[in-house]
Amino acid sequence: MTFAPTGGGSLGTSLALRSGLTLPNRLLKSALSEGLAEPGGAPGTRLANLYRRWGDGGYGLLITGNVMIDRRHMSEPGQVIVEDDRHLVALTRWAGSYHEHGGPIWVQLNHPGRQANQRTGRHRPVAPSAITARVPGAAKPRALTDLEIREIITRFATAAAVVQAAGFDGVQIHGAHGYLVTQFLSPRTNRRDDAWGGDPERRRAFVVEVVRAIRASTGPGFSVGIKLNSADFQRGGFSEEESREVVGTLISEGIDLIEVSGGSYEAPAMMGVLAESTRAREAYFLDYARTVREIAGQVPIAVTGGFRSRTAMEQALADHDCDIIGIGRPACITPDAPRALLERGQQQLHAPTIRVGARGLIGRLIDLRSVDSALNLLWHADQLHRIAAGLDPDPARPWWRTLNSVIRTGPSALRPKRN
């Protein structure tokens, strides 16, 4: 199978993947956790409404919010769960709601590991090693046994087979933002000295086996991608050098697409909690993407995080720094962002940075960075809930309406929630 060389082109240029799938343009709707599943974890009418709206948006590729592979370990309420084929009919309707007018759609598969919310799963979190995340309300996880690790790998494979049967075009493994795959990759969170840890090669064995298991359980033409941290931005953690080694390994395993992100909920670079000079450059992780472009060869690199202007997007593609532009929060405000850019001539996408008011008072009570991060996530999630209810987004929604959710939920609102 031959596929088009990557690099160059423009936002409207198509792109062929190793799997045989062709993306109609270079705009990716990156995963955004929706929290809209029905009780029991099935996708229902609200998710269908949201994805039908995105299906009209003209995306080259859309990736769903993170789908859980184990209902005992979830990162937030309202997530879709795929453990077996019990929700196959509902999953088929979900894929169909997007395919009515949209192009390819992938499911993001995830296990939260130590970032699981105990109030949701009611089970003690698990992780490569028993190291607690330094975020509000985090519980100390239990270290996984070898048998449990292999069972989780099987769960990834089972979920992939089910969503392929439902009509989705591929899956994306969530290997970023401090979730389980990242926990195996990072020496800060993986202190094992067995087949799953002890050196970089063994730390990446988990994600390699996940890719292999998914490939073995799915048929020809089904795409497998990964969202990968450039680094976790913590001393002694997962470094860019190790990340590049992981990229090289995944390329040899036949991965179809690598989406670059970065950070964790202990150091939330993916939430825009960055220096102003970095934010002004728009693409937070583009510098790293340049360093893996040669390693990746013909496998496309997507960069998500900070892109707002068409000028910056086109420049990144023209310079061969990446092959696909990921859009996250702007898709909450402008559901048809690709059409806005490619057809209506819009030059800038809107995604406000929401910050809590009364900062002097609230700052004396709690860490404002945590509140701002949670507020940003919840405010944009509110926009998705409006779309799912058949309404338009409300860019003018005041911060304090969303802050009510933070106050009402308490410390759990500041826990890891979104991908």
Protein backbone atom coordinates (compact mmCIF):
# COMPACT_ATOMS: atom_id res chain seq x y z
CA MET A 1 0.00 0.00 0.00
CA THR A 2 1.40 3.40 -0.99
CA PHE A 3 0.25 6.65 0.51
CA ALA A 4 0.85 10.31 -0.14
CA PRO A 5 4.02 11.91 1.20
CA THR A 6 3.39 14.22 4.11
CA GLY A 7 4.36 17.83 4.59
CA GLY A 8 3.43 20.85 2.53
CA GLY A 9 0.03 21.39 1.06
CA SER A 10 -2.62 23.60 2.55
CA LEU A 11 -5.59 23.27 4.88
CA GLY A 12 -7.81 22.09 2.04
CA THR A 13 -5.40 19.42 0.73
CA SER A 14 -6.40 15.77 1.16
CA LEU A 15 -4.10 13.30 2.91
CA ALA A 16 -3.86 9.51 2.59
CA LEU A 17 -2.94 7.35 5.59
CA ARG A 18 -1.13 4.02 5.73
CA SER A 19 -4.43 2.28 6.47
CA GLY A 20 -5.86 3.38 3.12
CA LEU A 21 -8.11 6.02 4.67
CA THR A 22 -8.02 9.41 2.93
CA LEU A 23 -8.69 12.57 4.93
CA PRO A 24 -10.44 15.21 2.77
CA ASN A 25 -8.54 18.10 4.38
CA ARG A 26 -5.93 18.84 7.06
CA LEU A 27 -8.27 19.95 9.87
CA LEU A 28 -8.71 17.57 12.79
CA LYS A 29 -11.37 17.97 15.47
CA SER A 30 -9.33 16.82 18.43
CA ALA A 31 -10.89 14.85 21.27
CA LEU A 32 -13.04 16.81 23.72
CA SER A 33 -14.67 14.99 26.59
CA GLU A 34 -18.40 15.54 26.31
CA GLY A 35 -19.90 13.94 29.44
CA LEU A 36 -23.12 13.27 27.50
CA ALA A 37 -23.50 9.48 27.61
CA GLU A 38 -26.64 7.81 28.90
CA PRO A 39 -26.66 6.02 32.28
CA GLY A 40 -24.71 2.80 31.78
CA GLY A 41 -22.33 4.35 29.27
CA ALA A 42 -24.27 4.15 26.01
CA PRO A 43 -24.20 7.05 23.53
CA GLY A 44 -27.68 8.49 23.12
CA THR A 45 -29.65 11.29 21.49
CA ARG A 46 -27.60 14.13 22.97
CA LEU A 47 -24.33 12.80 21.58
CA ALA A 48 -26.01 12.15 18.23
CA ASN A 49 -27.19 15.79 18.13
CA LEU A 50 -23.71 17.08 18.89
CA TYR A 51 -21.98 14.85 16.34
CA ARG A 52 -24.57 15.58 13.66
CA ARG A 53 -23.70 19.26 14.11
CA TRP A 54 -19.98 18.51 13.87
CA GLY A 55 -20.71 16.27 10.88
CA ASP A 56 -21.89 19.36 9.02
CA GLY A 57 -18.64 21.11 9.91
CA GLY A 58 -16.37 19.79 7.17
CA TYR A 59 -13.59 18.25 9.31
CA GLY A 60 -10.94 16.13 7.61
CA LEU A 61 -11.00 13.85 10.66
CA LEU A 62 -13.01 13.91 13.87
CA ILE A 63 -11.93 12.14 17.06
CA THR A 64 -14.49 11.49 19.78
CA GLY A 65 -14.13 12.34 23.42
CA ASN A 66 -12.31 9.70 25.44
CA VAL A 67 -14.22 6.44 25.63
CA MET A 68 -13.60 4.30 28.69
CA ILE A 69 -12.63 0.65 28.34
CA ASP A 70 -13.44 -0.25 31.97
CA ARG A 71 -16.52 1.05 33.82
CA ARG A 72 -14.74 0.46 37.16
CA HIS A 73 -12.21 3.16 36.27
CA MET A 74 -13.57 6.36 34.74
CA SER A 75 -12.24 9.90 34.80
CA GLU A 76 -15.62 11.66 34.94
CA PRO A 77 -19.36 11.00 34.86
CA GLY A 78 -21.20 10.74 31.56
CA GLN A 79 -18.49 8.99 29.56
CA VAL A 80 -19.21 6.40 26.89
CA ILE A 81 -18.04 2.94 27.96
CA VAL A 82 -17.10 0.13 25.57
CA GLU A 83 -16.24 -3.11 27.34
CA ASP A 84 -18.13 -5.44 24.97
CA ASP A 85 -20.84 -5.23 22.32
CA ARG A 86 -23.77 -4.51 24.67
CA HIS A 87 -24.06 -0.95 23.25
CA LEU A 88 -23.37 -1.93 19.63
CA VAL A 89 -26.70 -0.61 18.31
CA ALA A 90 -26.27 2.72 20.10
CA LEU A 91 -22.65 2.97 18.97
CA THR A 92 -23.74 2.33 15.37
CA ARG A 93 -26.28 5.16 15.62
CA TRP A 94 -23.59 7.43 17.06
CA ALA A 95 -21.19 6.74 14.18
CA GLY A 96 -24.04 7.15 11.72
CA SER A 97 -25.05 10.54 13.13
CA TYR A 98 -21.66 11.89 12.13
CA HIS A 99 -21.37 9.94 8.88
CA GLU A 100 -24.65 11.41 7.60
CA HIS A 101 -22.68 14.42 6.35
CA GLY A 102 -19.19 14.06 7.85
CA GLY A 103 -16.04 12.25 6.78
CA PRO A 104 -13.87 9.85 8.82
CA ILE A 105 -14.47 9.52 12.57
CA TRP A 106 -12.26 7.78 15.13
CA VAL A 107 -12.97 6.79 18.71
CA GLN A 108 -10.45 7.82 21.34
CA LEU A 109 -9.88 4.90 23.72
CA ASN A 110 -8.63 5.56 27.23
CA HIS A 111 -7.98 4.16 30.66
CA PRO A 112 -7.42 6.87 33.30
CA GLY A 113 -5.18 4.83 35.59
CA ARG A 114 -4.42 6.83 38.71
CA GLN A 115 -6.47 9.75 37.35
CA ALA A 116 -9.70 7.79 37.78
CA ASN A 117 -12.45 9.49 39.74
CA GLN A 118 -13.39 7.20 42.63
CA ARG A 119 -16.81 8.83 42.95
CA THR A 120 -17.59 7.66 39.43
CA GLY A 121 -16.06 4.19 39.34
CA ARG A 122 -16.22 3.46 43.10
CA HIS A 123 -13.01 1.46 42.85
CA ARG A 124 -9.52 2.32 43.99
CA PRO A 125 -7.51 3.70 41.06
CA VAL A 126 -4.81 1.52 39.54
CA ALA A 127 -1.47 2.51 38.01
CA PRO A 128 1.91 1.09 37.04
CA SER A 129 3.17 2.09 40.51
CA ALA A 130 1.44 3.23 43.68
CA ILE A 131 2.25 6.94 43.28
CA THR A 132 -0.44 9.53 43.95
CA ALA A 133 -1.08 12.30 41.44
CA ARG A 134 -0.45 15.77 42.81
CA VAL A 135 -3.88 17.16 42.00
CA PRO A 136 -6.71 18.08 44.39
CA GLY A 137 -8.62 15.10 45.76
CA ALA A 138 -6.45 12.43 44.11
CA ALA A 139 -6.43 9.00 45.75
CA LYS A 140 -3.37 6.81 46.09
CA PRO A 141 -3.52 4.16 43.35
CA ARG A 142 -2.81 0.46 43.66
CA ALA A 143 0.02 -0.96 41.53
CA LEU A 144 -1.21 -3.24 38.75
CA THR A 145 -0.20 -6.88 38.59
CA ASP A 146 1.21 -8.38 35.42
CA LEU A 147 -2.06 -10.24 34.84
CA GLU A 148 -4.08 -7.05 35.23
CA ILE A 149 -1.84 -5.20 32.77
CA ARG A 150 -2.42 -7.88 30.16
CA GLU A 151 -6.17 -7.76 30.84
CA ILE A 152 -6.21 -4.00 30.20
CA ILE A 153 -4.38 -4.53 26.90
CA THR A 154 -7.12 -7.00 25.93
CA ARG A 155 -9.75 -4.41 26.87
CA PHE A 156 -8.24 -1.90 24.42
CA ALA A 157 -8.36 -4.54 21.69
CA THR A 158 -11.95 -5.56 22.48
CA ALA A 159 -13.15 -1.95 22.43
CA ALA A 160 -11.44 -1.34 19.08
CA ALA A 161 -13.12 -4.38 17.53
CA VAL A 162 -16.54 -3.26 18.78
CA VAL A 163 -16.26 0.29 17.45
CA GLN A 164 -15.07 -1.03 14.10
CA ALA A 165 -18.19 -3.20 13.98
CA ALA A 166 -20.23 -0.08 14.80
CA GLY A 167 -18.89 1.72 11.72
CA PHE A 168 -16.15 3.94 13.09
CA ASP A 169 -13.13 4.36 10.84
CA GLY A 170 -10.40 4.01 13.44
CA VAL A 171 -9.30 4.54 17.02
CA GLN A 172 -6.90 6.86 18.76
CA ILE A 173 -5.05 5.58 21.82
CA HIS A 174 -4.90 8.29 24.48
CA GLY A 175 -1.22 8.40 25.37
CA ALA A 176 -1.10 11.92 26.78
CA HIS A 177 -2.19 14.15 29.68
CA GLY A 178 -1.23 11.84 32.50
CA TYR A 179 -3.59 8.95 31.76
CA LEU A 180 -2.58 5.28 32.01
CA VAL A 181 -0.47 5.02 28.84
CA THR A 182 1.44 8.12 29.92
CA GLN A 183 1.85 6.70 33.41
CA PHE A 184 3.62 3.68 31.95
CA LEU A 185 5.86 5.89 29.79
CA SER A 186 6.99 8.30 32.50
CA PRO A 187 9.78 7.40 34.96
CA ARG A 188 8.02 9.60 37.53
CA THR A 189 4.98 7.34 37.59
CA ASN A 190 6.45 4.01 36.51
CA ARG A 191 8.89 2.71 39.11
CA ARG A 192 8.50 -0.93 38.12
CA ASP A 193 11.41 -3.28 37.48
CA ASP A 194 9.75 -6.02 35.45
CA ALA A 195 8.62 -6.44 31.83
CA TRP A 196 6.66 -3.16 32.07
CA GLY A 197 9.28 -0.79 33.54
CA GLY A 198 12.84 -0.18 34.61
CA ASP A 199 14.19 1.46 31.45
CA PRO A 200 12.72 3.36 28.48
CA GLU A 201 12.28 0.25 26.34
CA ARG A 202 10.30 -1.57 29.01
CA ARG A 203 8.30 1.54 29.91
CA ARG A 204 7.03 1.72 26.34
CA ALA A 205 6.22 -2.00 26.19
CA PHE A 206 2.66 -1.33 27.38
CA VAL A 207 1.72 1.01 24.54
CA VAL A 208 3.46 -1.24 22.00
CA GLU A 209 1.40 -4.22 23.16
CA VAL A 210 -1.79 -2.12 23.05
CA VAL A 211 -1.09 -1.21 19.40
CA ARG A 212 -0.34 -4.83 18.50
CA ALA A 213 -3.47 -6.11 20.23
CA ILE A 214 -5.69 -3.57 18.46
CA ARG A 215 -4.18 -4.49 15.11
CA ALA A 216 -4.78 -8.17 15.80
CA SER A 217 -8.44 -7.59 16.73
CA THR A 218 -9.44 -5.31 13.85
CA GLY A 219 -9.69 -5.80 10.13
CA PRO A 220 -7.98 -4.26 7.10
CA GLY A 221 -8.51 -0.56 6.49
CA PHE A 222 -9.10 0.26 10.15
CA SER A 223 -6.85 3.10 11.31
CA VAL A 224 -4.91 3.23 14.57
CA GLY A 225 -3.48 6.50 15.85
CA ILE A 226 -2.17 7.83 19.13
CA LYS A 227 -2.24 11.09 21.05
CA LEU A 228 1.23 11.38 22.54
CA ASN A 229 2.85 13.76 24.97
CA SER A 230 5.85 15.68 23.72
CA ALA A 231 6.84 15.74 27.41
CA ASP A 232 5.07 15.90 30.76
CA PHE A 233 6.88 19.12 31.73
CA GLN A 234 8.00 17.77 35.09
CA ARG A 235 11.51 17.27 36.40
CA GLY A 236 12.53 13.63 36.14
CA GLY A 237 9.48 12.85 33.99
CA PHE A 238 8.79 11.82 30.42
CA SER A 239 11.21 13.83 28.29
CA GLU A 240 11.15 14.92 24.65
CA GLU A 241 14.09 12.58 23.98
CA GLU A 242 12.12 9.59 25.28
CA SER A 243 9.04 10.78 23.41
CA ARG A 244 10.97 10.74 20.14
CA GLU A 245 12.08 7.17 20.89
CA VAL A 246 8.45 6.21 21.40
CA VAL A 247 7.57 7.82 18.07
CA GLY A 248 10.23 5.78 16.30
CA THR A 249 8.97 2.57 17.88
CA LEU A 250 5.34 3.29 17.00
CA ILE A 251 6.27 4.07 13.41
CA SER A 252 7.86 0.63 13.15
CA GLU A 253 4.63 -0.85 14.58
CA GLY A 254 2.62 0.66 11.73
CA ILE A 255 0.84 3.51 13.51
CA ASP A 256 -1.25 5.61 11.11
CA LEU A 257 -1.19 9.05 12.73
CA ILE A 258 0.48 10.71 15.72
CA GLU A 259 -1.19 13.67 17.40
CA VAL A 260 1.23 15.72 19.49
CA SER A 261 0.16 17.27 22.76
CA GLY A 262 1.84 17.66 26.12
CA GLY A 263 1.61 18.03 29.85
CA SER A 264 -0.45 16.32 32.53
CA TYR A 265 -2.94 17.47 35.12
CA GLU A 266 0.00 18.08 37.45
CA ALA A 267 1.58 20.37 34.83
CA PRO A 268 -1.34 21.27 32.53
CA ALA A 269 0.36 22.56 29.38
CA MET A 270 -2.53 21.19 27.29
CA MET A 271 -4.96 23.49 29.11
CA GLY A 272 -3.18 26.62 27.95
CA VAL A 273 -1.54 27.18 31.34
CA LEU A 274 1.62 28.42 29.65
CA ALA A 275 3.83 31.46 29.50
CA GLU A 276 2.30 34.33 27.54
CA SER A 277 5.17 34.22 25.02
CA THR A 278 4.38 30.56 24.27
CA ARG A 279 0.68 31.24 23.91
CA ALA A 280 1.38 34.09 21.50
CA ARG A 281 3.07 31.63 19.11
CA GLU A 282 -0.31 29.83 18.90
CA ALA A 283 0.94 26.24 18.42
CA TYR A 284 2.19 25.15 21.84
CA PHE A 285 3.91 21.95 20.69
CA LEU A 286 5.06 22.85 17.18
CA ASP A 287 8.74 23.09 18.15
CA TYR A 288 8.65 19.48 19.29
CA ALA A 289 6.73 18.37 16.19
CA ARG A 290 9.56 19.68 14.00
CA THR A 291 12.00 17.39 15.78
CA VAL A 292 9.97 14.24 15.06
CA ARG A 293 9.04 15.09 11.47
CA GLU A 294 12.06 13.21 10.07
CA ILE A 295 11.57 10.27 12.45
CA ALA A 296 7.92 9.94 11.41
CA GLY A 297 8.72 9.77 7.69
CA GLN A 298 5.45 9.49 5.79
CA VAL A 299 3.32 9.02 8.89
CA PRO A 300 1.36 12.25 9.46
CA ILE A 301 1.97 14.39 12.52
CA ALA A 302 -0.95 16.40 13.91
CA VAL A 303 -0.38 19.27 16.33
CA THR A 304 -3.16 20.33 18.68
CA GLY A 305 -3.02 23.17 21.15
CA GLY A 306 -3.19 26.90 20.56
CA PHE A 307 -3.89 27.23 16.82
CA ARG A 308 -6.31 30.10 16.23
CA SER A 309 -5.39 31.94 13.01
CA ARG A 310 -5.52 30.55 9.51
CA THR A 311 -2.17 32.22 8.83
CA ALA A 312 -0.42 30.22 11.57
CA MET A 313 -2.10 26.99 10.44
CA GLU A 314 -1.13 27.42 6.80
CA GLN A 315 2.43 28.40 7.77
CA ALA A 316 2.89 25.27 9.89
CA LEU A 317 1.81 23.10 6.97
CA ALA A 318 3.87 25.01 4.40
CA ASP A 319 6.98 24.70 6.57
CA HIS A 320 6.48 20.91 6.87
CA ASP A 321 6.40 21.26 10.66
CA CYS A 322 3.23 19.17 10.83
CA ASP A 323 0.71 17.65 8.44
CA ILE A 324 -2.58 18.15 10.26
CA ILE A 325 -3.93 21.00 12.38
CA GLY A 326 -5.81 19.95 15.50
CA ILE A 327 -8.74 22.06 16.70
CA GLY A 328 -10.07 21.63 20.23
CA ARG A 329 -11.83 24.42 22.08
CA PRO A 330 -12.67 26.47 18.95
CA ALA A 331 -14.93 23.55 17.90
CA CYS A 332 -17.04 24.30 20.99
CA ILE A 333 -17.69 27.86 19.82
CA THR A 334 -17.65 27.34 16.05
CA PRO A 335 -18.88 23.77 15.42
CA ASP A 336 -18.26 24.17 11.67
CA ALA A 337 -14.77 25.63 12.05
CA PRO A 338 -13.38 24.03 8.83
CA ARG A 339 -16.19 25.49 6.75
CA ALA A 340 -15.62 28.85 8.43
CA LEU A 341 -11.95 28.75 7.42
CA LEU A 342 -12.12 27.04 4.04
CA GLU A 343 -15.45 28.27 2.66
CA ARG A 344 -16.43 31.46 4.45
CA GLY A 345 -12.94 32.96 4.51
CA GLN A 346 -12.80 33.40 8.28
CA GLN A 347 -9.23 34.15 9.35
CA GLN A 348 -9.42 33.62 13.11
CA LEU A 349 -11.13 31.04 15.30
CA HIS A 350 -12.58 32.16 18.60
CA ALA A 351 -11.93 30.32 21.89
CA PRO A 352 -11.90 32.63 24.90
CA THR A 353 -9.63 32.00 27.86
CA ILE A 354 -12.01 31.96 30.82
CA ARG A 355 -10.61 33.27 34.10
CA VAL A 356 -12.33 33.55 37.42
CA GLY A 357 -13.26 37.06 38.53
CA ALA A 358 -12.87 38.48 42.02
CA ARG A 359 -9.34 37.15 41.86
CA GLY A 360 -8.09 38.90 44.97
CA LEU A 361 -10.77 37.32 47.14
CA ILE A 362 -10.87 33.85 45.56
CA GLY A 363 -7.07 33.73 45.28
CA ARG A 364 -6.81 33.87 49.06
CA LEU A 365 -8.95 30.75 49.34
CA ILE A 366 -7.69 28.47 46.59
CA ASP A 367 -5.02 28.12 43.88
CA LEU A 368 -6.27 30.30 41.01
CA ARG A 369 -4.40 28.26 38.41
CA SER A 370 -6.40 25.16 39.32
CA VAL A 371 -9.65 27.13 39.34
CA ASP A 372 -8.90 28.78 35.99
CA SER A 373 -8.04 25.41 34.41
CA ALA A 374 -11.21 23.78 35.69
CA LEU A 375 -13.29 26.82 34.77
CA ASN A 376 -11.96 26.78 31.20
CA LEU A 377 -12.75 23.10 30.78
CA LEU A 378 -16.21 23.34 32.30
CA TRP A 379 -17.12 26.51 30.40
CA HIS A 380 -16.31 24.88 27.07
CA ALA A 381 -18.11 21.69 28.14
CA ASP A 382 -21.17 23.85 28.81
CA GLN A 383 -21.04 24.91 25.15
CA LEU A 384 -21.08 21.26 24.03
CA HIS A 385 -24.09 20.61 26.25
CA ARG A 386 -25.89 23.54 24.63
CA ILE A 387 -25.24 22.13 21.15
CA ALA A 388 -26.37 18.67 22.28
CA ALA A 389 -29.63 20.26 23.45
CA GLY A 390 -30.23 21.76 20.01
CA LEU A 391 -29.02 25.27 20.93
CA ASP A 392 -26.23 27.40 19.52
CA PRO A 393 -23.03 28.04 21.50
CA ASP A 394 -23.06 31.11 23.75
CA PRO A 395 -19.65 32.83 23.56
CA ALA A 396 -20.93 35.53 25.94
CA ARG A 397 -21.73 33.08 28.75
CA PRO A 398 -20.37 34.71 31.94
CA TRP A 399 -17.66 32.92 33.90
CA TRP A 400 -19.66 32.92 37.10
CA ARG A 401 -22.38 30.70 35.65
CA THR A 402 -19.79 27.99 35.12
CA LEU A 403 -18.14 28.73 38.47
CA ASN A 404 -21.41 27.58 40.06
CA SER A 405 -20.52 24.07 38.84
CA VAL A 406 -17.08 24.29 40.42
CA ILE A 407 -18.51 25.45 43.73
CA ARG A 408 -21.36 22.94 43.65
CA THR A 409 -19.09 20.00 42.79
CA GLY A 410 -16.37 21.01 45.25
CA PRO A 411 -12.80 19.66 44.98
CA SER A 412 -13.85 17.03 42.42
CA ALA A 413 -14.35 19.82 39.89
CA LEU A 414 -10.61 20.42 40.02
CA ARG A 415 -9.76 16.77 39.37
CA PRO A 416 -8.67 15.51 35.96
CA LYS A 417 -11.68 15.54 33.66
CA ARG A 418 -10.86 16.23 30.03
CA ASN A 419 -8.50 14.90 27.42
